[in-house]
Amino acid sequence: MINQIYKEGKRQQLEVEGRLVSNIDEQRVNGLTVKIDRDLCVGFGDCIDLAETVFEFDEENIAVIKEEIDIKVFDEESFLEACRACPVDAITVLDGNGEQVAP
């Protein structure tokens, strides 16, 4: 049996027969869908170093999208570079058509 559980409006957890198989934060940023796999992220912080106006660490030292992003200073190319820099590919970005643009 598959159960999906949503917490805090953006965290999606997928359970299959009582076992957690997916722990994803998903958020829209300037028309892009950003998914951060919380189980893959190990807190290197490369994304934060390259896009500190967008990413930060949460209380578990996992990269997350900031609650408030100043779109006036948002640079999509730098943002995508930051997402691609993740050494464990914990960040996936989809464009408005659902096509993967990072990593």
Protein backbone atom coordinates (compact mmCIF):
# COMPACT_ATOMS: atom_id res chain seq x y z
CA MET A 1 0.00 0.00 0.00
CA ILE A 2 1.32 3.45 -0.95
CA ASN A 3 0.68 6.48 1.26
CA GLN A 4 1.81 10.01 0.51
CA ILE A 5 2.30 12.31 3.46
CA TYR A 6 2.66 16.08 3.14
CA LYS A 7 4.16 18.24 5.87
CA GLU A 8 4.67 22.00 6.07
CA GLY A 9 3.14 22.48 2.62
CA LYS A 10 6.31 21.68 0.65
CA ARG A 11 7.81 18.51 2.07
CA GLN A 12 6.64 15.33 0.42
CA GLN A 13 7.31 11.96 1.93
CA LEU A 14 6.39 8.75 0.18
CA GLU A 15 5.83 5.61 2.19
CA VAL A 16 5.44 2.15 0.71
CA GLU A 17 4.15 -0.47 3.11
CA GLY A 18 5.25 1.61 6.09
CA ARG A 19 8.79 2.23 4.78
CA LEU A 20 9.95 5.72 3.84
CA VAL A 21 11.22 5.66 0.23
CA SER A 22 11.20 9.36 -0.64
CA ASN A 23 11.78 12.50 1.38
CA ILE A 24 11.61 15.47 -0.99
CA ASP A 25 11.26 19.23 -0.48
CA GLU A 26 9.60 20.79 -3.52
CA GLN A 27 9.18 24.48 -4.22
CA ARG A 28 8.61 26.81 -7.19
CA VAL A 29 11.25 29.48 -7.79
CA ASN A 30 10.67 31.98 -10.60
CA GLY A 31 8.77 29.45 -12.73
CA LEU A 32 11.13 26.56 -11.99
CA THR A 33 10.25 23.52 -9.87
CA VAL A 34 13.07 22.72 -7.45
CA LYS A 35 13.20 19.37 -5.69
CA ILE A 36 15.72 18.70 -2.92
CA ASP A 37 16.11 15.08 -1.87
CA ARG A 38 16.62 15.34 1.88
CA ASP A 39 17.97 11.79 2.05
CA LEU A 40 20.70 12.52 -0.52
CA CYS A 41 21.77 15.95 0.78
CA VAL A 42 24.79 15.62 3.03
CA GLY A 43 25.30 19.32 3.69
CA PHE A 44 28.38 20.13 1.60
CA GLY A 45 26.91 23.59 1.00
CA ASP A 46 28.13 24.09 -2.57
CA CYS A 47 24.65 25.30 -3.53
CA ILE A 48 24.72 27.85 -0.72
CA ASP A 49 28.19 29.06 -1.68
CA LEU A 50 27.06 29.66 -5.27
CA ALA A 51 23.52 30.95 -4.60
CA GLU A 52 23.39 32.26 -1.05
CA THR A 53 20.38 34.45 -1.89
CA VAL A 54 18.34 31.30 -2.61
CA PHE A 55 19.67 28.44 -0.46
CA GLU A 56 20.30 28.02 3.27
CA PHE A 57 20.71 25.17 5.74
CA ASP A 58 17.82 24.10 7.93
CA GLU A 59 18.09 22.87 11.50
CA GLU A 60 19.16 19.43 10.24
CA ASN A 61 22.02 20.89 8.11
CA ILE A 62 20.07 20.07 4.93
CA ALA A 63 19.96 22.60 2.07
CA VAL A 64 16.57 24.24 1.61
CA ILE A 65 15.14 27.10 -0.44
CA LYS A 66 14.82 30.27 1.63
CA GLU A 67 11.31 31.33 2.56
CA GLU A 68 11.86 34.79 1.04
CA ILE A 69 13.77 35.19 -2.23
CA ASP A 70 14.37 38.60 -3.77
CA ILE A 71 13.44 37.93 -7.38
CA LYS A 72 14.97 41.29 -8.38
CA VAL A 73 18.45 39.86 -7.69
CA PHE A 74 17.63 36.29 -8.76
CA ASP A 75 20.02 35.15 -11.52
CA GLU A 76 18.69 31.99 -13.15
CA GLU A 77 22.01 30.92 -14.68
CA SER A 78 23.86 31.25 -11.35
CA PHE A 79 21.02 29.44 -9.62
CA LEU A 80 21.15 26.53 -12.09
CA GLU A 81 24.94 26.40 -11.76
CA ALA A 82 24.51 26.12 -7.99
CA CYS A 83 22.01 23.28 -8.42
CA ARG A 84 24.32 21.45 -10.81
CA ALA A 85 27.23 21.85 -8.38
CA CYS A 86 25.69 19.50 -5.83
CA PRO A 87 28.22 16.65 -5.56
CA VAL A 88 25.50 14.10 -4.75
CA ASP A 89 22.83 15.39 -7.21
CA ALA A 90 20.37 16.02 -4.40
CA ILE A 91 18.84 18.98 -6.28
CA THR A 92 16.67 18.52 -9.36
CA VAL A 93 15.24 21.46 -11.32
CA LEU A 94 12.41 21.27 -13.85
CA ASP A 95 11.40 24.07 -16.20
CA GLY A 96 7.81 25.19 -16.75
CA ASN A 97 7.28 22.34 -19.25
CA GLY A 98 8.46 19.71 -16.78
CA GLU A 99 11.78 19.19 -18.56
CA GLN A 100 14.76 18.60 -16.29
CA VAL A 101 17.31 21.43 -16.53
CA ALA A 102 19.54 20.47 -13.60
CA PRO A 103 21.56 18.47 -12.82
